[in-house]
Amino acid sequence: MVSPLALIVLAFLFPELALAGKKQIWDALAAADPHLLAELRDNGLTPLIYLQLLGQNQHQKLPPAFLREFHQDYASSLKTAARQEQAALQIIRSFNQAKVDFILLKGADLRLRVYQDQAQRPMCDLDTLISRDQLPLTRQTLAQLGYRLSPLLTDPRPGVRELFDHELMFEPSSGEGLAIDLHWEIRTVAGFYRLPFPVLRRRAVLADYQGLPIKLLSPEHLVIHLCLHMYGDRFDCRQVYYNDLQIVDLALALTRLSLNWPQFLKDVAMFQCQAPVLSVLQEMSNILPHAINLMVLSELARYRPKTAERILLSQKLGYFSNYFAAFSRNPCRYWLSYVASKLWPSRQYLAQASGTPSRIAYLKQFLGKIRSEPK
């Protein structure tokens, strides 16, 4: 579902839409509602709203003091975005020099393609997708730039993360700069849905990042990724609403990119992710009916999930969803290693995860998570 806050932002982005509650939105803004301001800030949406107010010449409808809050957020976001761009340039230049084959994802991509101002789209790290074979080279390149593996990423057992996971997070040793989320595959919903790098690379589009060559996902792959990311976050966190910023990202991608819908359907079928993509696009079509080809929804609706996917999406497995997805997507020879990493992790991992190297304390915590799962 789309939250009331997301509808507020979409009402500004698409003033032609007959969205319910427009009067209430302006009433709240005119009344300088601090709760609305806090919600927009928490979701990083105040710079976007500020520029929409200016662009539509509606800023005078807000009390001056309230408008200044939006202006200050925009100015702060502009400075942050400028610093991040300089850090990103250094990383991209080093990747190019080292012959790292990469694709920019998420915020860095969206800032280039669908947002009119980089300050409108907050970004907490630089997401990049690489070939798994180039992981050692990429790590070496990042180390030369002063990056270190995030201390939050201790392996439960040696090699488990690279075997069963799909990303590593790096942070600058100095504490200044831009954190990096390094992916070698796109995965979501407990890792059940997977978009491999070689397939994405074949259709990647070339772009320019401040004079440096980069690759971005094809428009069709970008929309698939956004849909899966939205669905996965909501699934994993058991949330009622989709993430507000992700809703805005997808709405802009659907309306500002040129999509080849027949190719989109082929790609969704190839990745076997019809169910989550349909769920998200149906929700978006209720708000932006002009942005999604009805043939696409009709074709996706014909898909019937197989037993494993149906069991996973029912969310009846609770905590064991991750196990189920791992067993479904990995050869059986790896299953024992996966279970061992959960039941008998290293003491270094225990100290980080539970604050103590005690295996008894960890197992109690582990069992507590299972018991606390909603039935």
Protein backbone atom coordinates (compact mmCIF):
# COMPACT_ATOMS: atom_id res chain seq x y z
CA MET A 1 0.00 0.00 0.00
CA VAL A 2 1.01 3.61 -0.58
CA SER A 3 1.16 5.73 2.55
CA PRO A 4 -0.65 9.08 2.95
CA LEU A 5 2.75 10.80 3.05
CA ALA A 6 3.75 9.34 -0.33
CA LEU A 7 0.45 10.55 -1.77
CA ILE A 8 1.28 14.07 -0.57
CA VAL A 9 4.56 14.04 -2.46
CA LEU A 10 3.01 12.51 -5.59
CA ALA A 11 0.33 15.22 -5.51
CA PHE A 12 3.14 17.79 -5.87
CA LEU A 13 4.99 15.85 -8.54
CA PHE A 14 1.86 15.20 -10.60
CA PRO A 15 -0.51 18.13 -9.97
CA GLU A 16 -2.69 16.95 -12.86
CA LEU A 17 -3.70 13.82 -10.94
CA ALA A 18 -7.01 13.81 -9.09
CA LEU A 19 -5.55 12.46 -5.87
CA ALA A 20 -7.79 12.52 -2.83
CA GLY A 21 -6.92 14.78 0.04
CA LYS A 22 -5.26 17.65 -1.86
CA LYS A 23 -7.11 20.25 0.20
CA GLN A 24 -5.98 18.58 3.43
CA ILE A 25 -2.40 18.69 2.17
CA TRP A 26 -2.51 22.43 1.63
CA ASP A 27 -4.33 22.95 4.91
CA ALA A 28 -1.52 21.13 6.72
CA LEU A 29 1.18 23.12 4.92
CA ALA A 30 -0.59 26.44 5.42
CA ALA A 31 -1.00 25.61 9.12
CA ALA A 32 2.76 24.85 9.36
CA ASP A 33 2.03 21.39 10.72
CA PRO A 34 5.24 20.33 12.55
CA HIS A 35 4.28 16.64 12.36
CA LEU A 36 4.07 16.80 8.57
CA LEU A 37 7.45 18.55 8.42
CA ALA A 38 8.99 15.90 10.68
CA GLU A 39 7.60 13.08 8.53
CA LEU A 40 8.89 14.63 5.33
CA ARG A 41 12.31 15.17 6.91
CA ASP A 42 12.51 11.60 8.22
CA ASN A 43 12.00 10.37 4.67
CA GLY A 44 14.38 12.87 3.06
CA LEU A 45 11.57 14.49 1.07
CA THR A 46 11.71 18.15 2.12
CA PRO A 47 14.20 19.23 -0.62
CA LEU A 48 11.97 17.68 -3.27
CA ILE A 49 8.85 19.41 -1.91
CA TYR A 50 10.72 22.71 -1.68
CA LEU A 51 11.70 22.69 -5.34
CA GLN A 52 8.19 21.68 -6.35
CA LEU A 53 6.78 24.62 -4.41
CA LEU A 54 9.16 26.99 -6.17
CA GLY A 55 8.63 25.45 -9.59
CA GLN A 56 4.86 25.68 -9.32
CA ASN A 57 5.05 29.19 -7.80
CA GLN A 58 3.14 28.03 -4.73
CA HIS A 59 5.76 28.78 -2.09
CA GLN A 60 3.98 31.98 -1.08
CA LYS A 61 1.11 29.91 0.30
CA LEU A 62 3.32 28.73 3.16
CA PRO A 63 4.08 30.79 6.27
CA PRO A 64 7.56 32.36 5.80
CA ALA A 65 9.06 30.65 8.86
CA PHE A 66 7.75 27.26 7.68
CA LEU A 67 9.10 27.82 4.16
CA ARG A 68 12.53 28.64 5.62
CA GLU A 69 12.63 25.16 7.17
CA PHE A 70 12.24 23.65 3.71
CA HIS A 71 14.83 26.03 2.27
CA GLN A 72 17.36 25.13 4.96
CA ASP A 73 16.85 21.42 4.32
CA TYR A 74 17.38 21.96 0.60
CA ALA A 75 20.56 24.00 1.19
CA SER A 76 21.91 21.33 3.52
CA SER A 77 21.06 18.59 1.04
CA LEU A 78 22.77 20.51 -1.75
CA LYS A 79 26.01 20.70 0.26
CA THR A 80 25.84 17.01 1.16
CA ALA A 81 25.17 16.02 -2.45
CA ALA A 82 28.17 18.08 -3.64
CA ARG A 83 30.47 16.31 -1.16
CA GLN A 84 29.08 12.94 -2.15
CA GLU A 85 29.58 13.69 -5.82
CA GLN A 86 33.25 14.45 -5.26
CA ALA A 87 33.70 11.21 -3.32
CA ALA A 88 31.83 9.27 -6.02
CA LEU A 89 34.04 10.79 -8.71
CA GLN A 90 37.16 9.56 -6.92
CA ILE A 91 35.72 6.04 -6.60
CA ILE A 92 34.51 5.89 -10.21
CA ARG A 93 37.85 7.20 -11.52
CA SER A 94 39.74 4.56 -9.53
CA PHE A 95 37.41 1.78 -10.71
CA ASN A 96 37.91 2.85 -14.31
CA GLN A 97 41.70 2.97 -13.93
CA ALA A 98 41.73 -0.49 -12.30
CA LYS A 99 39.49 -1.90 -15.08
CA VAL A 100 36.73 -2.76 -12.63
CA ASP A 101 33.58 -3.45 -14.63
CA PHE A 102 30.72 -1.92 -12.62
CA ILE A 103 27.16 -0.65 -12.84
CA LEU A 104 25.86 2.21 -10.68
CA LEU A 105 22.66 1.42 -8.78
CA LYS A 106 19.94 3.10 -6.73
CA GLY A 107 20.48 6.69 -5.63
CA ALA A 108 23.51 7.47 -7.78
CA ASP A 109 21.68 6.25 -10.87
CA LEU A 110 18.36 7.89 -10.02
CA ARG A 111 20.01 11.25 -9.39
CA LEU A 112 21.36 11.18 -12.94
CA ARG A 113 18.29 9.92 -14.78
CA VAL A 114 15.05 10.86 -13.09
CA TYR A 115 15.68 13.70 -10.62
CA GLN A 116 16.15 17.22 -11.91
CA ASP A 117 18.43 18.23 -9.05
CA GLN A 118 20.85 15.98 -7.16
CA ALA A 119 19.82 17.56 -3.85
CA GLN A 120 16.27 16.26 -4.33
CA ARG A 121 17.35 12.64 -3.85
CA PRO A 122 19.12 11.75 -0.57
CA MET A 123 21.82 9.10 -0.77
CA CYS A 124 23.53 7.44 2.17
CA ASP A 125 26.03 5.31 0.21
CA LEU A 126 27.23 4.52 -3.29
CA ASP A 127 25.67 1.29 -4.56
CA THR A 128 27.65 -0.50 -7.25
CA LEU A 129 27.21 -3.84 -8.97
CA ILE A 130 30.27 -5.79 -10.10
CA SER A 131 31.18 -9.20 -11.42
CA ARG A 132 31.81 -11.72 -8.65
CA ASP A 133 35.09 -12.61 -10.38
CA GLN A 134 36.29 -9.05 -9.87
CA LEU A 135 35.57 -8.96 -6.15
CA PRO A 136 39.28 -9.35 -5.15
CA LEU A 137 40.34 -6.60 -7.58
CA THR A 138 37.56 -4.31 -6.36
CA ARG A 139 38.46 -4.85 -2.72
CA GLN A 140 42.10 -4.10 -3.50
CA THR A 141 41.11 -0.90 -5.30
CA LEU A 142 38.97 0.24 -2.38
CA ALA A 143 41.76 -0.55 0.09
CA GLN A 144 44.10 1.71 -1.90
CA LEU A 145 41.51 4.48 -1.54
CA GLY A 146 41.53 4.03 2.23
CA TYR A 147 38.34 2.02 2.50
CA ARG A 148 37.85 -0.82 4.94
CA LEU A 149 35.21 -3.48 5.30
CA SER A 150 32.46 -2.30 7.65
CA PRO A 151 33.07 -3.69 11.14
CA LEU A 152 29.38 -4.63 11.19
CA LEU A 153 30.07 -7.33 8.58
CA THR A 154 31.88 -9.98 10.57
CA ASP A 155 31.30 -13.37 8.94
CA PRO A 156 29.36 -15.90 11.05
CA ARG A 157 31.95 -18.40 9.75
CA PRO A 158 34.85 -17.82 7.31
CA GLY A 159 33.64 -17.40 3.73
CA VAL A 160 29.93 -17.62 4.53
CA ARG A 161 29.05 -14.11 3.40
CA GLU A 162 30.64 -14.45 -0.01
CA LEU A 163 29.05 -17.89 -0.45
CA PHE A 164 25.49 -17.09 0.60
CA ASP A 165 25.24 -13.30 0.47
CA HIS A 166 25.45 -10.83 -2.39
CA GLU A 167 27.01 -7.66 -1.02
CA LEU A 168 29.72 -6.14 1.15
CA MET A 169 29.72 -2.70 2.76
CA PHE A 170 32.82 -0.54 2.95
CA GLU A 171 33.46 2.68 4.79
CA PRO A 172 36.29 5.23 4.54
CA SER A 173 38.92 4.70 7.22
CA SER A 174 39.03 8.42 7.94
CA GLY A 175 35.31 8.56 8.70
CA GLU A 176 34.87 11.11 5.92
CA GLY A 177 33.68 10.32 2.44
CA LEU A 178 31.02 8.10 0.99
CA ALA A 179 30.25 4.59 2.18
CA ILE A 180 30.11 1.93 -0.54
CA ASP A 181 27.63 -0.91 -0.84
CA LEU A 182 29.26 -3.39 -3.21
CA HIS A 183 26.94 -5.94 -4.85
CA TRP A 184 27.86 -8.87 -7.10
CA GLU A 185 24.20 -9.80 -7.58
CA ILE A 186 20.86 -8.12 -6.92
CA ARG A 187 18.80 -10.16 -4.48
CA THR A 188 15.64 -9.57 -2.50
CA VAL A 189 12.91 -11.30 -0.46
CA ALA A 190 15.32 -13.38 1.62
CA GLY A 191 17.47 -13.82 -1.49
CA PHE A 192 14.81 -15.73 -3.41
CA TYR A 193 14.67 -13.33 -6.37
CA ARG A 194 18.01 -12.78 -8.06
CA LEU A 195 19.25 -10.55 -10.90
CA PRO A 196 22.75 -11.73 -11.90
CA PHE A 197 25.43 -9.31 -13.00
CA PRO A 198 26.24 -10.92 -16.40
CA VAL A 199 22.62 -10.63 -17.57
CA LEU A 200 22.26 -7.05 -16.35
CA ARG A 201 25.59 -6.07 -17.90
CA ARG A 202 24.58 -7.23 -21.39
CA ARG A 203 21.82 -4.61 -21.52
CA ALA A 204 23.49 -1.92 -19.41
CA VAL A 205 23.50 1.56 -20.90
CA LEU A 206 26.53 3.83 -21.14
CA ALA A 207 26.35 7.21 -19.42
CA ASP A 208 28.52 10.10 -18.36
CA TYR A 209 29.24 10.98 -14.74
CA GLN A 210 30.94 14.39 -14.68
CA GLY A 211 33.08 13.40 -17.67
CA LEU A 212 33.73 9.82 -16.52
CA PRO A 213 32.23 6.83 -18.36
CA ILE A 214 29.87 4.66 -16.35
CA LYS A 215 27.25 1.98 -16.89
CA LEU A 216 23.66 2.07 -15.66
CA LEU A 217 20.91 -0.53 -15.69
CA SER A 218 18.69 -0.59 -18.77
CA PRO A 219 15.40 1.26 -18.10
CA GLU A 220 13.54 -2.07 -17.96
CA HIS A 221 16.01 -3.58 -15.50
CA LEU A 222 15.95 -0.42 -13.40
CA VAL A 223 12.17 -0.59 -12.98
CA ILE A 224 12.37 -4.32 -12.15
CA HIS A 225 15.05 -3.58 -9.56
CA LEU A 226 13.00 -0.77 -8.02
CA CYS A 227 9.91 -2.99 -7.81
CA LEU A 228 11.84 -5.84 -6.21
CA HIS A 229 13.61 -3.50 -3.80
CA MET A 230 10.29 -2.00 -2.68
CA TYR A 231 8.60 -5.36 -2.32
CA GLY A 232 11.59 -6.90 -0.54
CA ASP A 233 11.89 -4.15 2.06
CA ARG A 234 8.20 -4.34 2.84
CA PHE A 235 8.31 -8.15 2.97
CA ASP A 236 11.38 -8.34 5.22
CA CYS A 237 10.17 -5.65 7.65
CA ARG A 238 6.52 -6.77 7.66
CA GLN A 239 5.41 -3.21 6.90
CA VAL A 240 1.90 -2.11 5.88
CA TYR A 241 3.17 0.61 3.53
CA TYR A 242 5.89 0.71 0.92
CA ASN A 243 8.84 2.99 1.63
CA ASP A 244 7.86 6.57 0.71
CA LEU A 245 11.09 7.54 -1.03
CA GLN A 246 11.04 4.30 -3.03
CA ILE A 247 7.50 5.11 -4.18
CA VAL A 248 8.71 8.47 -5.48
CA ASP A 249 11.73 6.84 -7.17
CA LEU A 250 9.51 4.38 -9.03
CA ALA A 251 6.91 6.99 -9.96
CA LEU A 252 9.58 9.18 -11.54
CA ALA A 253 11.24 6.24 -13.30
CA LEU A 254 7.92 5.15 -14.79
CA THR A 255 7.08 8.63 -16.06
CA ARG A 256 10.50 9.99 -17.07
CA LEU A 257 12.17 6.98 -18.69
CA SER A 258 11.35 5.45 -22.05
CA LEU A 259 10.36 1.85 -21.35
CA ASN A 260 10.10 -1.00 -23.82
CA TRP A 261 7.17 -2.82 -22.24
CA PRO A 262 7.38 -6.04 -24.35
CA GLN A 263 11.08 -6.29 -23.41
CA PHE A 264 10.15 -5.55 -19.80
CA LEU A 265 7.78 -8.53 -19.76
CA LYS A 266 10.45 -10.78 -21.26
CA ASP A 267 12.93 -9.68 -18.60
CA VAL A 268 10.49 -10.20 -15.73
CA ALA A 269 9.74 -13.70 -17.00
CA MET A 270 13.45 -14.46 -17.39
CA PHE A 271 14.13 -13.42 -13.78
CA GLN A 272 10.96 -15.26 -12.63
CA CYS A 273 9.84 -12.35 -10.48
CA GLN A 274 6.35 -11.81 -11.87
CA ALA A 275 4.56 -12.00 -8.52
CA PRO A 276 6.39 -9.19 -6.64
CA VAL A 277 6.63 -6.96 -9.73
CA LEU A 278 2.89 -7.32 -10.37
CA SER A 279 2.10 -6.52 -6.73
CA VAL A 280 4.04 -3.25 -6.87
CA LEU A 281 2.89 -2.16 -10.33
CA GLN A 282 -0.76 -2.80 -9.50
CA GLU A 283 -0.41 -0.46 -6.54
CA MET A 284 1.29 2.18 -8.68
CA SER A 285 -1.33 1.86 -11.43
CA ASN A 286 -4.00 2.94 -8.94
CA ILE A 287 -2.17 6.27 -8.61
CA LEU A 288 -0.51 6.66 -12.03
CA PRO A 289 -2.80 4.84 -14.47
CA HIS A 290 -1.22 6.64 -17.43
CA ALA A 291 2.29 5.42 -16.57
CA ILE A 292 1.82 1.65 -16.83
CA ASN A 293 0.68 -0.22 -19.91
CA LEU A 294 -2.46 -2.22 -19.03
CA MET A 295 -1.23 -5.05 -21.23
CA VAL A 296 1.70 -5.42 -18.84
CA LEU A 297 -0.53 -5.86 -15.80
CA SER A 298 -2.75 -8.29 -17.65
CA GLU A 299 0.19 -10.40 -18.79
CA LEU A 300 1.79 -10.47 -15.34
CA ALA A 301 -1.54 -11.44 -13.75
CA ARG A 302 -1.54 -14.64 -15.79
CA TYR A 303 1.47 -15.92 -13.87
CA ARG A 304 0.89 -18.58 -11.20
CA PRO A 305 3.68 -18.98 -8.62
CA LYS A 306 5.04 -22.45 -8.07
CA THR A 307 4.86 -24.14 -4.69
CA ALA A 308 8.17 -22.87 -3.28
CA GLU A 309 7.46 -19.26 -4.25
CA ARG A 310 3.90 -19.47 -2.98
CA ILE A 311 5.07 -20.77 0.40
CA LEU A 312 7.66 -18.01 0.70
CA LEU A 313 5.30 -15.18 -0.26
CA SER A 314 2.65 -16.39 2.18
CA GLN A 315 5.05 -15.31 4.99
CA LYS A 316 3.90 -18.25 7.08
CA LEU A 317 7.47 -19.41 7.58
CA GLY A 318 8.39 -16.37 9.65
CA TYR A 319 12.04 -16.45 10.72
CA PHE A 320 12.67 -19.55 8.62
CA SER A 321 11.98 -17.68 5.37
CA ASN A 322 15.73 -17.02 5.00
CA TYR A 323 16.47 -20.73 5.38
CA PHE A 324 13.79 -21.68 2.91
CA ALA A 325 15.07 -19.20 0.33
CA ALA A 326 18.69 -20.33 0.85
CA PHE A 327 17.76 -23.97 0.43
CA SER A 328 15.66 -23.18 -2.65
CA ARG A 329 18.42 -21.22 -4.40
CA ASN A 330 21.61 -23.05 -3.37
CA PRO A 331 22.84 -26.60 -4.06
CA CYS A 332 22.16 -29.06 -1.24
CA ARG A 333 25.91 -29.48 -0.63
CA TYR A 334 25.88 -25.95 0.82
CA TRP A 335 22.93 -26.41 3.16
CA LEU A 336 24.94 -27.78 6.08
CA SER A 337 27.36 -24.83 5.89
CA TYR A 338 24.44 -22.41 5.98
CA VAL A 339 22.81 -24.05 9.02
CA ALA A 340 26.18 -24.27 10.79
CA SER A 341 26.75 -20.55 10.28
CA LYS A 342 23.45 -19.87 12.03
CA LEU A 343 23.76 -22.35 14.88
CA TRP A 344 27.53 -22.33 15.51
CA PRO A 345 29.01 -18.99 14.38
CA SER A 346 32.49 -17.76 15.29
CA ARG A 347 33.04 -16.15 18.67
CA GLN A 348 34.06 -12.90 17.01
CA TYR A 349 30.68 -12.82 15.30
CA LEU A 350 28.93 -13.69 18.56
CA ALA A 351 30.57 -10.79 20.36
CA GLN A 352 29.39 -8.43 17.66
CA ALA A 353 25.89 -9.84 17.18
CA SER A 354 24.91 -10.35 20.80
CA GLY A 355 27.51 -8.41 22.78
CA THR A 356 29.05 -11.54 24.28
CA PRO A 357 31.05 -14.49 22.91
CA SER A 358 28.82 -16.86 24.90
CA ARG A 359 27.23 -19.50 22.67
CA ILE A 360 24.53 -20.15 25.26
CA ALA A 361 23.48 -16.50 25.24
CA TYR A 362 23.45 -16.51 21.44
CA LEU A 363 21.32 -19.64 21.22
CA LYS A 364 18.85 -18.16 23.73
CA GLN A 365 18.63 -15.02 21.58
CA PHE A 366 18.29 -17.16 18.44
CA LEU A 367 15.43 -19.18 19.93
CA GLY A 368 13.83 -15.99 21.24
CA LYS A 369 13.62 -14.61 17.69
CA ILE A 370 11.86 -17.76 16.53
CA ARG A 371 9.33 -17.68 19.39
CA SER A 372 8.61 -13.99 18.87
CA GLU A 373 7.75 -14.42 15.19
CA PRO A 374 4.11 -13.53 14.41
CA LYS A 375 2.04 -16.63 13.79
